[in-house]
Amino acid sequence: MQSLASSRRIREVRAARQRAASATMAVSALRGSDPGEPRVAVVAGRAVGNAVRRNRAKRRLRAAARQVALPAVDLVVDARPAAVDAPFERLPADLRRLTTRALGRVSR
């Protein structure tokens, strides 16, 4: 798993509108031109909480992404407030399910 660091590419992934959400996170996905490793960006806005809670949510979601066999796509994972306090076992399961749902959607 690689990091998706380009803000331009993050905007492109979000603009594709292939998105799925749960109480813990929202996942936007876009198949890239590179068939290599998946690239993931984890984002947490102020709605998640103060800096400590935002960083904890991002750490937990990155750890969950390392546990899941993700397809070779670009993903933007938006943390939600529940990601901080949810049982960790739920996060990889949610990520796997939401990635599958987001990739199944057709952009309009």
C-alpha atoms as a PDB file:
ATOM      1  CA  MET A   1       0.000   0.000   0.000  1.00  0.00           C
ATOM      2  CA  GLN A   2       1.333   3.383  -0.990  1.00  0.00           C
ATOM      3  CA  SER A   3       0.342   6.817   0.198  1.00  0.00           C
ATOM      4  CA  LEU A   4      -1.756   9.009  -2.066  1.00  0.00           C
ATOM      5  CA  ALA A   5      -0.202  12.391  -1.314  1.00  0.00           C
ATOM      6  CA  SER A   6      -1.121  14.551  -4.289  1.00  0.00           C
ATOM      7  CA  SER A   7      -3.944  16.940  -3.426  1.00  0.00           C
ATOM      8  CA  ARG A   8      -4.758  17.129  -7.132  1.00  0.00           C
ATOM      9  CA  ARG A   9      -5.259  13.345  -7.348  1.00  0.00           C
ATOM     10  CA  ILE A  10      -7.302  13.371  -4.112  1.00  0.00           C
ATOM     11  CA  ARG A  11      -9.646  15.936  -5.716  1.00  0.00           C
ATOM     12  CA  GLU A  12      -9.892  13.756  -8.853  1.00  0.00           C
ATOM     13  CA  VAL A  13     -10.814  10.687  -6.809  1.00  0.00           C
ATOM     14  CA  ARG A  14     -13.493  12.614  -4.925  1.00  0.00           C
ATOM     15  CA  ALA A  15     -14.835  14.175  -8.148  1.00  0.00           C
ATOM     16  CA  ALA A  16     -15.384  10.710  -9.670  1.00  0.00           C
ATOM     17  CA  ARG A  17     -18.285  10.271  -7.194  1.00  0.00           C
ATOM     18  CA  GLN A  18     -17.665   6.570  -6.659  1.00  0.00           C
ATOM     19  CA  ARG A  19     -18.346   6.751  -2.952  1.00  0.00           C
ATOM     20  CA  ALA A  20     -19.722   4.650  -0.115  1.00  0.00           C
ATOM     21  CA  ALA A  21     -20.080   5.564   3.564  1.00  0.00           C
ATOM     22  CA  SER A  22     -20.691   4.089   6.993  1.00  0.00           C
ATOM     23  CA  ALA A  23     -20.710   5.477  10.519  1.00  0.00           C
ATOM     24  CA  THR A  24     -16.919   5.179  10.794  1.00  0.00           C
ATOM     25  CA  MET A  25     -15.704   6.353   7.387  1.00  0.00           C
ATOM     26  CA  ALA A  26     -16.526   7.399   3.846  1.00  0.00           C
ATOM     27  CA  VAL A  27     -14.541   5.860   0.993  1.00  0.00           C
ATOM     28  CA  SER A  28     -14.059   7.373  -2.456  1.00  0.00           C
ATOM     29  CA  ALA A  29     -12.444   5.112  -5.048  1.00  0.00           C
ATOM     30  CA  LEU A  30     -11.108   5.531  -8.550  1.00  0.00           C
ATOM     31  CA  ARG A  31      -9.376   2.995 -10.721  1.00  0.00           C
ATOM     32  CA  GLY A  32      -5.994   4.419 -11.661  1.00  0.00           C
ATOM     33  CA  SER A  33      -3.935   3.994 -14.785  1.00  0.00           C
ATOM     34  CA  ASP A  34      -1.189   2.264 -12.775  1.00  0.00           C
ATOM     35  CA  PRO A  35      -2.023  -1.422 -12.120  1.00  0.00           C
ATOM     36  CA  GLY A  36       0.464  -1.594  -9.226  1.00  0.00           C
ATOM     37  CA  GLU A  37      -0.232  -1.213  -5.534  1.00  0.00           C
ATOM     38  CA  PRO A  38      -3.261   0.530  -4.065  1.00  0.00           C
ATOM     39  CA  ARG A  39      -2.719   4.167  -3.080  1.00  0.00           C
ATOM     40  CA  VAL A  40      -4.572   5.421  -0.017  1.00  0.00           C
ATOM     41  CA  ALA A  41      -5.107   8.887   1.462  1.00  0.00           C
ATOM     42  CA  VAL A  42      -6.637   9.090   4.945  1.00  0.00           C
ATOM     43  CA  VAL A  43      -8.272  12.417   5.764  1.00  0.00           C
ATOM     44  CA  ALA A  44      -9.867  13.646   8.991  1.00  0.00           C
ATOM     45  CA  GLY A  45     -11.636  16.996   9.155  1.00  0.00           C
ATOM     46  CA  ARG A  46     -12.465  19.103  12.173  1.00  0.00           C
ATOM     47  CA  ALA A  47     -15.813  17.362  12.585  1.00  0.00           C
ATOM     48  CA  VAL A  48     -13.882  14.342  13.910  1.00  0.00           C
ATOM     49  CA  GLY A  49     -12.673  16.360  16.893  1.00  0.00           C
ATOM     50  CA  ASN A  50      -9.573  18.103  18.139  1.00  0.00           C
ATOM     51  CA  ALA A  51      -6.093  17.352  16.735  1.00  0.00           C
ATOM     52  CA  VAL A  52      -5.548  14.411  19.077  1.00  0.00           C
ATOM     53  CA  ARG A  53      -8.803  12.710  17.983  1.00  0.00           C
ATOM     54  CA  ARG A  54      -8.172  13.451  14.287  1.00  0.00           C
ATOM     55  CA  ASN A  55      -4.669  11.960  14.429  1.00  0.00           C
ATOM     56  CA  ARG A  56      -5.912   8.906  16.328  1.00  0.00           C
ATOM     57  CA  ALA A  57      -8.638   8.339  13.734  1.00  0.00           C
ATOM     58  CA  LYS A  58      -6.094   8.601  10.899  1.00  0.00           C
ATOM     59  CA  ARG A  59      -3.657   6.195  12.603  1.00  0.00           C
ATOM     60  CA  ARG A  60      -6.428   3.651  13.163  1.00  0.00           C
ATOM     61  CA  LEU A  61      -7.683   3.875   9.582  1.00  0.00           C
ATOM     62  CA  ARG A  62      -4.169   3.561   8.126  1.00  0.00           C
ATOM     63  CA  ALA A  63      -3.590   0.467  10.285  1.00  0.00           C
ATOM     64  CA  ALA A  64      -6.905  -0.961   9.060  1.00  0.00           C
ATOM     65  CA  ALA A  65      -5.903  -0.311   5.436  1.00  0.00           C
ATOM     66  CA  ARG A  66      -2.664  -2.265   5.957  1.00  0.00           C
ATOM     67  CA  GLN A  67      -4.694  -5.288   7.138  1.00  0.00           C
ATOM     68  CA  VAL A  68      -7.034  -5.371   4.132  1.00  0.00           C
ATOM     69  CA  ALA A  69      -6.107  -6.777   0.717  1.00  0.00           C
ATOM     70  CA  LEU A  70      -7.133  -3.748  -1.333  1.00  0.00           C
ATOM     71  CA  PRO A  71      -7.419  -3.747  -5.123  1.00  0.00           C
ATOM     72  CA  ALA A  72      -4.980  -1.621  -7.138  1.00  0.00           C
ATOM     73  CA  VAL A  73      -7.022   1.592  -7.014  1.00  0.00           C
ATOM     74  CA  ASP A  74      -6.732   5.077  -5.566  1.00  0.00           C
ATOM     75  CA  LEU A  75      -8.734   5.482  -2.345  1.00  0.00           C
ATOM     76  CA  VAL A  76      -9.573   8.509  -0.242  1.00  0.00           C
ATOM     77  CA  VAL A  77     -10.762   7.482   3.221  1.00  0.00           C
ATOM     78  CA  ASP A  78     -12.565  10.239   5.134  1.00  0.00           C
ATOM     79  CA  ALA A  79     -12.650   9.577   8.871  1.00  0.00           C
ATOM     80  CA  ARG A  80     -15.885  10.110  10.739  1.00  0.00           C
ATOM     81  CA  PRO A  81     -16.157  10.786  14.503  1.00  0.00           C
ATOM     82  CA  ALA A  82     -17.139   7.157  15.220  1.00  0.00           C
ATOM     83  CA  ALA A  83     -13.762   5.941  13.841  1.00  0.00           C
ATOM     84  CA  VAL A  84     -12.037   7.094  17.028  1.00  0.00           C
ATOM     85  CA  ASP A  85     -14.112   5.018  19.451  1.00  0.00           C
ATOM     86  CA  ALA A  86     -15.280   2.063  17.318  1.00  0.00           C
ATOM     87  CA  PRO A  87     -13.812  -1.374  18.044  1.00  0.00           C
ATOM     88  CA  PHE A  88     -10.753  -1.820  15.826  1.00  0.00           C
ATOM     89  CA  GLU A  89     -12.049  -5.099  14.349  1.00  0.00           C
ATOM     90  CA  ARG A  90     -14.873  -3.131  12.735  1.00  0.00           C
ATOM     91  CA  LEU A  91     -12.571  -0.785  10.784  1.00  0.00           C
ATOM     92  CA  PRO A  92     -10.950  -3.289   8.365  1.00  0.00           C
ATOM     93  CA  ALA A  93     -14.342  -4.916   7.744  1.00  0.00           C
ATOM     94  CA  ASP A  94     -15.941  -1.538   6.994  1.00  0.00           C
ATOM     95  CA  LEU A  95     -13.063  -0.545   4.706  1.00  0.00           C
ATOM     96  CA  ARG A  96     -13.274  -3.789   2.724  1.00  0.00           C
ATOM     97  CA  ARG A  97     -17.068  -3.542   2.357  1.00  0.00           C
ATOM     98  CA  LEU A  98     -17.090   0.158   1.443  1.00  0.00           C
ATOM     99  CA  THR A  99     -14.297  -0.209  -1.109  1.00  0.00           C
ATOM    100  CA  THR A 100     -16.232  -2.972  -2.867  1.00  0.00           C
ATOM    101  CA  ARG A 101     -19.422  -0.878  -2.842  1.00  0.00           C
ATOM    102  CA  ALA A 102     -17.679   2.267  -4.095  1.00  0.00           C
ATOM    103  CA  LEU A 103     -16.023   0.426  -6.977  1.00  0.00           C
ATOM    104  CA  GLY A 104     -19.340  -1.103  -7.954  1.00  0.00           C
ATOM    105  CA  ARG A 105     -20.910   2.323  -8.497  1.00  0.00           C
ATOM    106  CA  VAL A 106     -20.923   3.866 -11.928  1.00  0.00           C
ATOM    107  CA  SER A 107     -19.890   7.503 -12.109  1.00  0.00           C
ATOM    108  CA  ARG A 108     -22.458   9.747 -13.790  1.00  0.00           C
END
